[in-house]
Amino acid sequence: MSLLPRRLRHGEEATLVEHLGELRARLVICLITITAAFAVTYAFHGHLLNWLNRPLPASKQPPITFGVLEPFTVSIMVSFYAACLIALPIVFWQVWAFLAPAFEERYQRSMSVLVLFAAALAIGGIAFGYWIVLPPALHFLTNYDSEHFDILIRARDYYGFTSLLLLAVALAFEVPVFVLGLVRLRIVSAANLRHGWRVGIFAMTVLGVLLPGVDPVSTALSVLVLVTLYGLSIGLASFFEPRWRSSPAREAATDV
């Protein structure tokens, strides 16, 4: 008996109990993956904390804690966030595997590639957030009105902020996957994207402004990268859409 749930084929009938059983099995896989990743990240949580402390300005001390529980709870929080990021590709895959039977076979192959593309973009988003967005944001925030305040950085707030920022940037980098998924499912077309490029650029600008990095430099860089990713999405949609639309025609001609 296989330990992994069997993925249903398109059009295959299954009872409600079988669907719920598959959903439960895939949720268990996600939980086991996150638990295993958490065991690893907690074992190396000291390295994670040092890694997150590096973007702090050199003039600032390491984050401080208040209360006897905070060092422990902060370490758990950081380890859990890191475990979720590590497990994200498998979680994406399990979600897609559960939803895949609702789509035709020719869509499933393309969507599987998009899941892998999403994982690569998430890694790129985390790298961009850590090395490009986070340092200027921290410099701006930790020196804002410093002549009026004795600015101390609390560990719980700092690690929560950095984790939220990295996660938000990683999700924002998924714009090409979202756009290509809509094109592949024929919800929108490349022509629609080209004609509505002004609306898309406005949406990317708003998204870049809403990211946690509040300083002008990191905000401008985020907007620039998101607009570039949206332009890349239009280019990829224009390239792949004719091939996706011609595939059913070729398959029909082969069957005849």
Protein backbone atom coordinates (compact mmCIF):
# COMPACT_ATOMS: atom_id res chain seq x y z
CA MET A 1 0.00 0.00 0.00
CA SER A 2 1.38 3.40 -0.99
CA LEU A 3 2.01 5.89 1.78
CA LEU A 4 1.16 8.78 -0.58
CA PRO A 5 -2.42 9.55 -1.60
CA ARG A 6 -3.34 8.59 -5.16
CA ARG A 7 -4.09 11.56 -7.40
CA LEU A 8 -7.38 11.19 -9.22
CA ARG A 9 -7.50 11.42 -12.99
CA HIS A 10 -9.51 14.09 -14.75
CA GLY A 11 -13.14 13.01 -14.95
CA GLU A 12 -12.66 10.13 -12.51
CA GLU A 13 -15.59 9.86 -10.14
CA ALA A 14 -15.04 9.58 -6.41
CA THR A 15 -17.30 9.66 -3.39
CA LEU A 16 -17.32 12.46 -0.85
CA VAL A 17 -15.66 10.13 1.66
CA GLU A 18 -12.82 9.42 -0.82
CA HIS A 19 -12.31 13.15 -1.45
CA LEU A 20 -12.23 13.86 2.27
CA GLY A 21 -9.80 10.97 2.77
CA GLU A 22 -7.48 12.35 0.10
CA LEU A 23 -7.72 15.85 1.61
CA ARG A 24 -6.89 14.49 5.04
CA ALA A 25 -3.91 12.55 3.69
CA ARG A 26 -2.54 15.63 1.91
CA LEU A 27 -3.00 17.77 5.02
CA VAL A 28 -1.11 15.15 7.02
CA ILE A 29 1.73 15.26 4.48
CA CYS A 30 1.88 19.06 4.80
CA LEU A 31 1.92 18.86 8.60
CA ILE A 32 4.61 16.17 8.62
CA THR A 33 6.73 18.23 6.21
CA ILE A 34 6.38 21.37 8.33
CA THR A 35 7.15 19.39 11.50
CA ALA A 36 10.27 17.85 9.98
CA ALA A 37 11.39 21.25 8.68
CA PHE A 38 10.72 22.77 12.12
CA ALA A 39 12.95 20.16 13.76
CA VAL A 40 15.77 21.22 11.44
CA THR A 41 15.20 24.97 11.73
CA TYR A 42 14.93 24.84 15.52
CA ALA A 43 18.18 22.88 15.71
CA PHE A 44 19.84 25.74 13.81
CA HIS A 45 17.73 28.61 15.17
CA GLY A 46 20.83 30.35 16.50
CA HIS A 47 22.16 30.64 12.97
CA LEU A 48 18.76 31.90 11.80
CA LEU A 49 18.72 34.61 14.47
CA ASN A 50 22.25 35.71 13.54
CA TRP A 51 21.26 35.73 9.86
CA LEU A 52 18.26 37.95 10.57
CA ASN A 53 20.38 40.26 12.74
CA ARG A 54 22.90 40.99 9.97
CA PRO A 55 20.79 43.62 8.15
CA LEU A 56 20.61 45.70 11.36
CA PRO A 57 22.70 48.89 11.22
CA ALA A 58 26.14 48.45 12.78
CA SER A 59 25.33 51.12 15.38
CA LYS A 60 22.44 49.08 16.78
CA GLN A 61 22.69 46.42 19.47
CA PRO A 62 21.14 42.96 18.99
CA PRO A 63 17.39 42.87 19.73
CA ILE A 64 16.46 42.83 23.40
CA THR A 65 13.83 40.73 25.18
CA PHE A 66 11.42 41.44 28.03
CA GLY A 67 10.26 38.70 30.36
CA VAL A 68 11.46 35.18 31.01
CA LEU A 69 9.45 33.53 28.20
CA GLU A 70 10.29 35.85 25.32
CA PRO A 71 13.66 34.29 24.32
CA PHE A 72 11.98 30.89 24.04
CA THR A 73 8.83 32.09 22.24
CA VAL A 74 10.84 34.21 19.79
CA SER A 75 13.08 31.25 18.93
CA ILE A 76 10.00 29.09 18.37
CA MET A 77 8.38 31.78 16.21
CA VAL A 78 11.42 32.28 13.98
CA SER A 79 11.94 28.52 13.62
CA PHE A 80 8.28 28.02 12.69
CA TYR A 81 8.31 30.77 10.06
CA ALA A 82 11.48 29.34 8.54
CA ALA A 83 9.97 25.84 8.53
CA CYS A 84 6.88 27.11 6.70
CA LEU A 85 9.06 28.71 4.03
CA ILE A 86 11.10 25.53 3.59
CA ALA A 87 7.95 23.41 3.34
CA LEU A 88 6.23 25.82 0.95
CA PRO A 89 7.10 23.94 -2.29
CA ILE A 90 5.67 20.68 -0.95
CA VAL A 91 2.59 22.49 0.37
CA PHE A 92 2.10 24.09 -3.07
CA TRP A 93 2.43 20.68 -4.68
CA GLN A 94 -0.08 19.03 -2.36
CA VAL A 95 -2.61 21.80 -2.95
CA TRP A 96 -2.17 21.47 -6.69
CA ALA A 97 -2.35 17.66 -6.58
CA PHE A 98 -5.70 17.90 -4.79
CA LEU A 99 -7.11 20.43 -7.28
CA ALA A 100 -5.55 18.92 -10.43
CA PRO A 101 -8.37 16.43 -11.25
CA ALA A 102 -10.70 19.39 -11.85
CA PHE A 103 -8.61 20.37 -14.89
CA GLU A 104 -8.00 18.58 -18.17
CA GLU A 105 -4.76 16.67 -18.65
CA ARG A 106 -3.24 19.27 -20.97
CA TYR A 107 -3.74 21.93 -18.29
CA GLN A 108 -2.28 19.75 -15.56
CA ARG A 109 1.15 19.47 -17.19
CA SER A 110 1.46 23.23 -17.56
CA MET A 111 0.22 23.92 -14.04
CA SER A 112 2.75 21.45 -12.62
CA VAL A 113 5.53 23.48 -14.25
CA LEU A 114 4.00 26.65 -12.81
CA VAL A 115 4.19 25.15 -9.30
CA LEU A 116 7.94 24.63 -9.75
CA PHE A 117 8.23 28.14 -11.19
CA ALA A 118 6.39 29.47 -8.11
CA ALA A 119 8.93 27.82 -5.78
CA ALA A 120 11.83 29.40 -7.71
CA LEU A 121 10.18 32.82 -7.61
CA ALA A 122 9.57 32.49 -3.87
CA ILE A 123 13.29 31.87 -3.31
CA GLY A 124 14.10 34.88 -5.49
CA GLY A 125 11.63 36.99 -3.52
CA ILE A 126 13.19 36.04 -0.19
CA ALA A 127 16.67 36.87 -1.51
CA PHE A 128 15.46 40.21 -2.88
CA GLY A 129 13.69 41.06 0.37
CA TYR A 130 16.70 40.15 2.52
CA TRP A 131 19.49 41.82 0.55
CA ILE A 132 17.70 44.69 -1.20
CA VAL A 133 14.57 45.70 0.73
CA LEU A 134 15.40 44.92 4.36
CA PRO A 135 18.68 46.87 4.90
CA PRO A 136 17.42 50.32 3.78
CA ALA A 137 14.08 49.74 5.50
CA LEU A 138 15.80 48.94 8.81
CA HIS A 139 18.19 51.86 8.47
CA PHE A 140 15.26 54.23 7.90
CA LEU A 141 13.08 52.86 10.69
CA THR A 142 15.77 52.48 13.36
CA ASN A 143 17.08 56.02 12.81
CA TYR A 144 13.76 57.82 12.37
CA ASP A 145 13.60 60.78 14.80
CA SER A 146 16.53 59.26 16.69
CA GLU A 147 17.26 62.66 18.25
CA HIS A 148 13.93 62.44 20.07
CA PHE A 149 13.92 58.75 21.06
CA ASP A 150 16.20 56.21 22.68
CA ILE A 151 15.45 53.53 20.09
CA LEU A 152 15.67 50.01 21.46
CA ILE A 153 14.76 47.07 19.22
CA ARG A 154 12.59 44.42 20.83
CA ALA A 155 13.27 40.89 19.59
CA ARG A 156 9.61 39.87 19.22
CA ASP A 157 8.74 42.93 17.14
CA TYR A 158 11.92 42.85 15.06
CA TYR A 159 11.73 39.19 14.06
CA GLY A 160 8.00 39.48 13.43
CA PHE A 161 8.62 42.46 11.13
CA THR A 162 11.45 40.81 9.20
CA SER A 163 9.52 37.56 8.80
CA LEU A 164 6.44 39.42 7.57
CA LEU A 165 8.49 41.47 5.13
CA LEU A 166 10.28 38.45 3.64
CA LEU A 167 7.02 36.52 3.35
CA ALA A 168 5.23 39.48 1.75
CA VAL A 169 7.98 39.99 -0.82
CA ALA A 170 8.09 36.26 -1.60
CA LEU A 171 4.32 36.24 -2.23
CA ALA A 172 4.54 39.43 -4.31
CA PHE A 173 7.09 37.69 -6.55
CA GLU A 174 4.39 35.15 -7.45
CA VAL A 175 2.73 37.68 -9.81
CA PRO A 176 4.01 35.93 -13.00
CA VAL A 177 2.69 32.57 -11.79
CA PHE A 178 -0.71 34.06 -11.01
CA VAL A 179 -0.92 35.79 -14.39
CA LEU A 180 0.27 32.75 -16.36
CA GLY A 181 -2.16 30.54 -14.46
CA LEU A 182 -5.05 32.81 -15.48
CA VAL A 183 -3.88 32.73 -19.10
CA ARG A 184 -3.43 28.96 -19.09
CA LEU A 185 -6.96 28.49 -17.73
CA ARG A 186 -8.23 30.94 -20.38
CA ILE A 187 -9.66 33.34 -17.83
CA VAL A 188 -7.69 36.19 -19.42
CA SER A 189 -5.67 36.42 -22.62
CA ALA A 190 -2.31 37.93 -23.50
CA ALA A 191 -4.15 40.49 -25.62
CA ASN A 192 -6.16 41.58 -22.56
CA LEU A 193 -2.93 41.98 -20.61
CA ARG A 194 -1.32 44.06 -23.35
CA HIS A 195 -4.34 46.33 -23.74
CA GLY A 196 -4.69 46.78 -19.98
CA TRP A 197 -1.02 47.31 -19.20
CA ARG A 198 -1.71 50.67 -17.52
CA VAL A 199 -4.06 49.04 -15.03
CA GLY A 200 -1.48 46.31 -14.38
CA ILE A 201 1.29 48.83 -13.74
CA PHE A 202 -0.98 50.76 -11.37
CA ALA A 203 -1.82 47.54 -9.49
CA MET A 204 1.89 46.65 -9.19
CA THR A 205 2.67 50.16 -7.93
CA VAL A 206 -0.01 49.88 -5.24
CA LEU A 207 1.26 46.42 -4.27
CA GLY A 208 4.84 47.70 -4.01
CA VAL A 209 3.76 50.60 -1.81
CA LEU A 210 1.79 48.26 0.47
CA LEU A 211 4.80 46.02 1.17
CA PRO A 212 6.18 46.41 4.72
CA GLY A 213 9.34 48.28 3.63
CA VAL A 214 8.32 51.91 4.22
CA ASP A 215 11.43 53.86 3.23
CA PRO A 216 11.47 55.55 -0.19
CA VAL A 217 14.45 53.57 -1.53
CA SER A 218 13.15 50.06 -0.81
CA THR A 219 9.63 51.04 -1.86
CA ALA A 220 10.87 52.37 -5.21
CA LEU A 221 12.96 49.23 -5.76
CA SER A 222 9.97 47.00 -4.92
CA VAL A 223 7.72 48.88 -7.34
CA LEU A 224 10.36 48.69 -10.08
CA VAL A 225 10.84 44.94 -9.65
CA LEU A 226 7.08 44.24 -9.51
CA VAL A 227 6.47 46.27 -12.67
CA THR A 228 9.32 44.35 -14.35
CA LEU A 229 7.79 41.04 -13.24
CA TYR A 230 4.42 42.11 -14.62
CA GLY A 231 6.06 42.99 -17.93
CA LEU A 232 7.76 39.59 -17.90
CA SER A 233 4.35 38.01 -17.27
CA ILE A 234 2.93 39.70 -20.38
CA GLY A 235 5.90 38.55 -22.45
CA LEU A 236 5.66 34.95 -21.21
CA ALA A 237 1.89 34.93 -21.75
CA SER A 238 2.33 36.20 -25.31
CA PHE A 239 4.92 33.49 -25.96
CA PHE A 240 3.10 30.52 -24.43
CA GLU A 241 -0.54 31.30 -25.17
CA PRO A 242 -0.40 30.44 -28.93
CA ARG A 243 1.29 27.14 -28.10
CA TRP A 244 -1.22 26.33 -25.38
CA ARG A 245 -4.14 27.10 -27.67
CA SER A 246 -2.71 25.11 -30.57
CA SER A 247 -2.09 21.98 -28.50
CA PRO A 248 -5.76 20.82 -28.45
CA ALA A 249 -5.97 21.34 -32.20
CA ARG A 250 -2.89 19.18 -32.80
CA GLU A 251 -4.23 16.49 -30.48
CA ALA A 252 -7.58 16.49 -32.31
CA ALA A 253 -5.85 16.24 -35.70
CA THR A 254 -3.75 13.32 -34.44
CA ASP A 255 -6.88 11.49 -33.21
CA VAL A 256 -8.54 11.88 -36.61
